[in-house]
Amino acid sequence: MFQFTVGFLKADPKARYQGYTFYFREGFCWSAVNGTRSTNELKFRFKQKSVTDVQGMSLYCVAYSVSAKYITCICNADFISRYTESFINSTVIFQINDARQIPVIIPFAEQMNEFEELFDFATKIKKAHLSNQISESETEKKLAEIQNSLGKMVDELYGIV
């Protein structure tokens, strides 16, 4: 039954069978409503391979010279949050077209590896906390250190230092 429906949708000129090329691809996402921008609540998340939902703002890397982990990292730096607030959208609702305007510097392979390693380290800490291997206070302390390192790396990448 499902195969018939899919085939029918592909053939029907009125069908809205869209975006299936992005199903089961890694990407990055964020919540559309982000509290107050002054407290830097715009945070991006790595999106596992899954079906895209209209309720979540999601984008995917079309160039293989950057990864979704890299984009997630740079977008979580204070610099990008301040940049988007000042030059793109200062409201609490951050949409797809806003995210498309974030200036992304294509890194050298070594730089991208450093960002991906930092991402993987943060993920490891969060998983350790969720499995009760480390306390919440220790998790917050380690993640704050990672956020500080990330800020320095992004500032250097964008030539702010």
C-alpha atoms as a PDB file:
ATOM      1  CA  MET A   1       0.000   0.000   0.000  1.00  0.00           C
ATOM      2  CA  PHE A   2       2.774   2.461   0.907  1.00  0.00           C
ATOM      3  CA  GLN A   3       4.713   1.824  -2.306  1.00  0.00           C
ATOM      4  CA  PHE A   4       1.555   2.456  -4.307  1.00  0.00           C
ATOM      5  CA  THR A   5       0.984   5.737  -2.444  1.00  0.00           C
ATOM      6  CA  VAL A   6       4.579   6.870  -2.970  1.00  0.00           C
ATOM      7  CA  GLY A   7       4.428   5.996  -6.659  1.00  0.00           C
ATOM      8  CA  PHE A   8       1.114   7.799  -6.948  1.00  0.00           C
ATOM      9  CA  LEU A   9       2.503  10.887  -5.225  1.00  0.00           C
ATOM     10  CA  LYS A  10       5.500  11.008  -7.525  1.00  0.00           C
ATOM     11  CA  ALA A  11       3.277  10.792 -10.602  1.00  0.00           C
ATOM     12  CA  ASP A  12       0.498  13.143  -9.482  1.00  0.00           C
ATOM     13  CA  PRO A  13       1.206  16.737 -10.654  1.00  0.00           C
ATOM     14  CA  LYS A  14      -0.840  18.083  -7.719  1.00  0.00           C
ATOM     15  CA  ALA A  15       1.079  16.084  -5.103  1.00  0.00           C
ATOM     16  CA  ARG A  16       3.266  17.791  -2.507  1.00  0.00           C
ATOM     17  CA  TYR A  17       5.771  14.937  -2.200  1.00  0.00           C
ATOM     18  CA  GLN A  18       8.721  17.202  -1.482  1.00  0.00           C
ATOM     19  CA  GLY A  19      12.029  17.042   0.252  1.00  0.00           C
ATOM     20  CA  TYR A  20      12.454  13.275   0.172  1.00  0.00           C
ATOM     21  CA  THR A  21      16.027  13.690  -1.080  1.00  0.00           C
ATOM     22  CA  PHE A  22      16.817  15.153   2.351  1.00  0.00           C
ATOM     23  CA  TYR A  23      15.323  12.262   4.325  1.00  0.00           C
ATOM     24  CA  PHE A  24      17.899  10.317   6.347  1.00  0.00           C
ATOM     25  CA  ARG A  25      20.661  12.902   5.965  1.00  0.00           C
ATOM     26  CA  GLU A  26      22.580  14.520   8.780  1.00  0.00           C
ATOM     27  CA  GLY A  27      22.087  18.233   9.178  1.00  0.00           C
ATOM     28  CA  PHE A  28      21.606  20.880  11.798  1.00  0.00           C
ATOM     29  CA  CYS A  29      18.492  22.362  13.327  1.00  0.00           C
ATOM     30  CA  TRP A  30      17.217  24.842  15.904  1.00  0.00           C
ATOM     31  CA  SER A  31      13.977  25.810  17.569  1.00  0.00           C
ATOM     32  CA  ALA A  32      12.040  28.515  15.753  1.00  0.00           C
ATOM     33  CA  VAL A  33      11.263  30.411  18.964  1.00  0.00           C
ATOM     34  CA  ASN A  34      14.324  31.028  21.107  1.00  0.00           C
ATOM     35  CA  GLY A  35      13.366  33.042  24.182  1.00  0.00           C
ATOM     36  CA  THR A  36      15.224  36.324  24.382  1.00  0.00           C
ATOM     37  CA  ARG A  37      18.119  36.945  22.013  1.00  0.00           C
ATOM     38  CA  SER A  38      19.877  39.067  24.642  1.00  0.00           C
ATOM     39  CA  THR A  39      20.555  35.930  26.694  1.00  0.00           C
ATOM     40  CA  ASN A  40      21.989  34.092  23.670  1.00  0.00           C
ATOM     41  CA  GLU A  41      19.318  31.420  23.597  1.00  0.00           C
ATOM     42  CA  LEU A  42      19.682  30.756  19.865  1.00  0.00           C
ATOM     43  CA  LYS A  43      21.308  27.337  19.912  1.00  0.00           C
ATOM     44  CA  PHE A  44      21.772  24.914  17.073  1.00  0.00           C
ATOM     45  CA  ARG A  45      21.667  21.136  17.339  1.00  0.00           C
ATOM     46  CA  PHE A  46      23.121  18.371  15.231  1.00  0.00           C
ATOM     47  CA  LYS A  47      20.309  16.541  13.442  1.00  0.00           C
ATOM     48  CA  GLN A  48      20.683  12.787  13.174  1.00  0.00           C
ATOM     49  CA  LYS A  49      19.616  10.968  10.044  1.00  0.00           C
ATOM     50  CA  SER A  50      15.823  11.159  10.093  1.00  0.00           C
ATOM     51  CA  VAL A  51      12.758  12.291   8.199  1.00  0.00           C
ATOM     52  CA  THR A  52      12.387  16.064   8.120  1.00  0.00           C
ATOM     53  CA  ASP A  53       9.400  17.502   9.949  1.00  0.00           C
ATOM     54  CA  VAL A  54       7.707  20.816   9.231  1.00  0.00           C
ATOM     55  CA  GLN A  55       7.803  21.713  12.938  1.00  0.00           C
ATOM     56  CA  GLY A  56      11.606  21.776  13.087  1.00  0.00           C
ATOM     57  CA  MET A  57      13.820  24.241  11.313  1.00  0.00           C
ATOM     58  CA  SER A  58      16.484  22.132   9.579  1.00  0.00           C
ATOM     59  CA  LEU A  59      19.198  22.734   7.015  1.00  0.00           C
ATOM     60  CA  TYR A  60      21.659  20.403   5.336  1.00  0.00           C
ATOM     61  CA  CYS A  61      25.136  20.907   3.962  1.00  0.00           C
ATOM     62  CA  VAL A  62      25.109  20.657   0.192  1.00  0.00           C
ATOM     63  CA  ALA A  63      28.861  21.103  -0.129  1.00  0.00           C
ATOM     64  CA  TYR A  64      30.919  18.232   1.166  1.00  0.00           C
ATOM     65  CA  SER A  65      33.731  20.602   2.132  1.00  0.00           C
ATOM     66  CA  VAL A  66      31.882  21.315   5.390  1.00  0.00           C
ATOM     67  CA  SER A  67      30.059  18.995   7.756  1.00  0.00           C
ATOM     68  CA  ALA A  68      26.898  19.409   9.789  1.00  0.00           C
ATOM     69  CA  LYS A  69      29.012  19.039  12.951  1.00  0.00           C
ATOM     70  CA  TYR A  70      31.204  21.956  11.840  1.00  0.00           C
ATOM     71  CA  ILE A  71      28.185  24.157  11.071  1.00  0.00           C
ATOM     72  CA  THR A  72      26.583  23.231  14.405  1.00  0.00           C
ATOM     73  CA  CYS A  73      29.766  24.262  16.193  1.00  0.00           C
ATOM     74  CA  ILE A  74      30.265  27.629  14.546  1.00  0.00           C
ATOM     75  CA  CYS A  75      26.575  28.521  14.859  1.00  0.00           C
ATOM     76  CA  ASN A  76      26.719  27.899  18.610  1.00  0.00           C
ATOM     77  CA  ALA A  77      29.514  30.417  19.116  1.00  0.00           C
ATOM     78  CA  ASP A  78      28.641  33.731  20.734  1.00  0.00           C
ATOM     79  CA  PHE A  79      30.010  35.589  17.698  1.00  0.00           C
ATOM     80  CA  ILE A  80      27.457  34.032  15.340  1.00  0.00           C
ATOM     81  CA  SER A  81      24.628  34.635  17.796  1.00  0.00           C
ATOM     82  CA  ARG A  82      25.595  38.304  18.134  1.00  0.00           C
ATOM     83  CA  TYR A  83      26.084  38.600  14.366  1.00  0.00           C
ATOM     84  CA  THR A  84      22.659  37.163  13.573  1.00  0.00           C
ATOM     85  CA  GLU A  85      21.042  39.331  16.236  1.00  0.00           C
ATOM     86  CA  SER A  86      22.704  42.503  14.920  1.00  0.00           C
ATOM     87  CA  PHE A  87      22.600  41.988  11.152  1.00  0.00           C
ATOM     88  CA  ILE A  88      20.091  39.278  10.276  1.00  0.00           C
ATOM     89  CA  ASN A  89      17.185  39.031  12.716  1.00  0.00           C
ATOM     90  CA  SER A  90      16.912  40.483  16.194  1.00  0.00           C
ATOM     91  CA  THR A  91      13.552  38.874  16.977  1.00  0.00           C
ATOM     92  CA  VAL A  92      13.070  35.690  19.003  1.00  0.00           C
ATOM     93  CA  ILE A  93      11.863  33.829  15.892  1.00  0.00           C
ATOM     94  CA  PHE A  94      14.794  32.628  13.799  1.00  0.00           C
ATOM     95  CA  GLN A  95      13.723  31.091  10.491  1.00  0.00           C
ATOM     96  CA  ILE A  96      15.250  29.137   7.612  1.00  0.00           C
ATOM     97  CA  ASN A  97      15.978  32.216   5.497  1.00  0.00           C
ATOM     98  CA  ASP A  98      17.709  33.810   8.495  1.00  0.00           C
ATOM     99  CA  ALA A  99      20.017  30.814   8.901  1.00  0.00           C
ATOM    100  CA  ARG A 100      20.858  30.848   5.208  1.00  0.00           C
ATOM    101  CA  GLN A 101      22.397  34.308   5.692  1.00  0.00           C
ATOM    102  CA  ILE A 102      24.974  33.178   8.268  1.00  0.00           C
ATOM    103  CA  PRO A 103      28.423  33.695   6.749  1.00  0.00           C
ATOM    104  CA  VAL A 104      30.171  30.326   6.784  1.00  0.00           C
ATOM    105  CA  ILE A 105      33.919  30.228   6.339  1.00  0.00           C
ATOM    106  CA  ILE A 106      35.046  27.097   4.537  1.00  0.00           C
ATOM    107  CA  PRO A 107      37.740  25.663   6.817  1.00  0.00           C
ATOM    108  CA  PHE A 108      40.942  23.885   5.990  1.00  0.00           C
ATOM    109  CA  ALA A 109      40.718  20.138   6.677  1.00  0.00           C
ATOM    110  CA  GLU A 110      42.735  20.528   9.889  1.00  0.00           C
ATOM    111  CA  GLN A 111      40.430  23.283  11.156  1.00  0.00           C
ATOM    112  CA  MET A 112      37.321  21.253  10.421  1.00  0.00           C
ATOM    113  CA  ASN A 113      38.816  18.267  12.245  1.00  0.00           C
ATOM    114  CA  GLU A 114      39.428  20.461  15.314  1.00  0.00           C
ATOM    115  CA  PHE A 115      35.797  21.629  15.317  1.00  0.00           C
ATOM    116  CA  GLU A 116      34.497  18.087  14.823  1.00  0.00           C
ATOM    117  CA  GLU A 117      36.685  16.804  17.666  1.00  0.00           C
ATOM    118  CA  LEU A 118      35.316  19.529  19.942  1.00  0.00           C
ATOM    119  CA  PHE A 119      31.783  18.574  18.881  1.00  0.00           C
ATOM    120  CA  ASP A 120      32.444  14.888  19.580  1.00  0.00           C
ATOM    121  CA  PHE A 121      33.935  15.740  22.990  1.00  0.00           C
ATOM    122  CA  ALA A 122      30.855  17.780  23.951  1.00  0.00           C
ATOM    123  CA  THR A 123      28.616  14.922  22.791  1.00  0.00           C
ATOM    124  CA  LYS A 124      30.614  12.449  24.863  1.00  0.00           C
ATOM    125  CA  ILE A 125      30.228  14.626  27.974  1.00  0.00           C
ATOM    126  CA  LYS A 126      26.492  15.011  27.435  1.00  0.00           C
ATOM    127  CA  LYS A 127      26.056  11.250  26.956  1.00  0.00           C
ATOM    128  CA  ALA A 128      28.091  10.577  30.111  1.00  0.00           C
ATOM    129  CA  HIS A 129      25.784  12.896  32.031  1.00  0.00           C
ATOM    130  CA  LEU A 130      22.654  11.276  30.606  1.00  0.00           C
ATOM    131  CA  SER A 131      23.920   7.846  31.654  1.00  0.00           C
ATOM    132  CA  ASN A 132      24.677   9.184  35.166  1.00  0.00           C
ATOM    133  CA  GLN A 133      28.445   8.767  34.797  1.00  0.00           C
ATOM    134  CA  ILE A 134      29.109  12.409  35.696  1.00  0.00           C
ATOM    135  CA  SER A 135      27.133  14.908  37.766  1.00  0.00           C
ATOM    136  CA  GLU A 136      25.164  17.830  36.402  1.00  0.00           C
ATOM    137  CA  SER A 137      27.562  20.367  37.923  1.00  0.00           C
ATOM    138  CA  GLU A 138      30.577  18.596  36.399  1.00  0.00           C
ATOM    139  CA  THR A 139      28.771  18.439  33.056  1.00  0.00           C
ATOM    140  CA  GLU A 140      27.984  22.158  33.151  1.00  0.00           C
ATOM    141  CA  LYS A 141      31.585  22.974  34.063  1.00  0.00           C
ATOM    142  CA  LYS A 142      33.020  20.878  31.216  1.00  0.00           C
ATOM    143  CA  LEU A 143      30.517  22.195  28.681  1.00  0.00           C
ATOM    144  CA  ALA A 144      31.281  25.781  29.731  1.00  0.00           C
ATOM    145  CA  GLU A 145      34.977  25.086  29.074  1.00  0.00           C
ATOM    146  CA  ILE A 146      34.081  23.696  25.655  1.00  0.00           C
ATOM    147  CA  GLN A 147      31.906  26.756  24.931  1.00  0.00           C
ATOM    148  CA  ASN A 148      34.842  28.990  25.856  1.00  0.00           C
ATOM    149  CA  SER A 149      37.192  27.023  23.568  1.00  0.00           C
ATOM    150  CA  LEU A 150      34.610  27.135  20.791  1.00  0.00           C
ATOM    151  CA  GLY A 151      34.301  30.902  21.127  1.00  0.00           C
ATOM    152  CA  LYS A 152      38.056  31.336  20.797  1.00  0.00           C
ATOM    153  CA  MET A 153      38.219  29.003  17.797  1.00  0.00           C
ATOM    154  CA  VAL A 154      35.395  30.814  15.975  1.00  0.00           C
ATOM    155  CA  ASP A 155      36.827  34.248  16.784  1.00  0.00           C
ATOM    156  CA  GLU A 156      40.156  33.126  15.327  1.00  0.00           C
ATOM    157  CA  LEU A 157      38.458  31.563  12.278  1.00  0.00           C
ATOM    158  CA  TYR A 158      36.583  34.803  11.545  1.00  0.00           C
ATOM    159  CA  GLY A 159      39.620  36.991  12.247  1.00  0.00           C
ATOM    160  CA  ILE A 160      38.171  38.699  15.303  1.00  0.00           C
ATOM    161  CA  VAL A 161      41.154  38.062  17.551  1.00  0.00           C
END
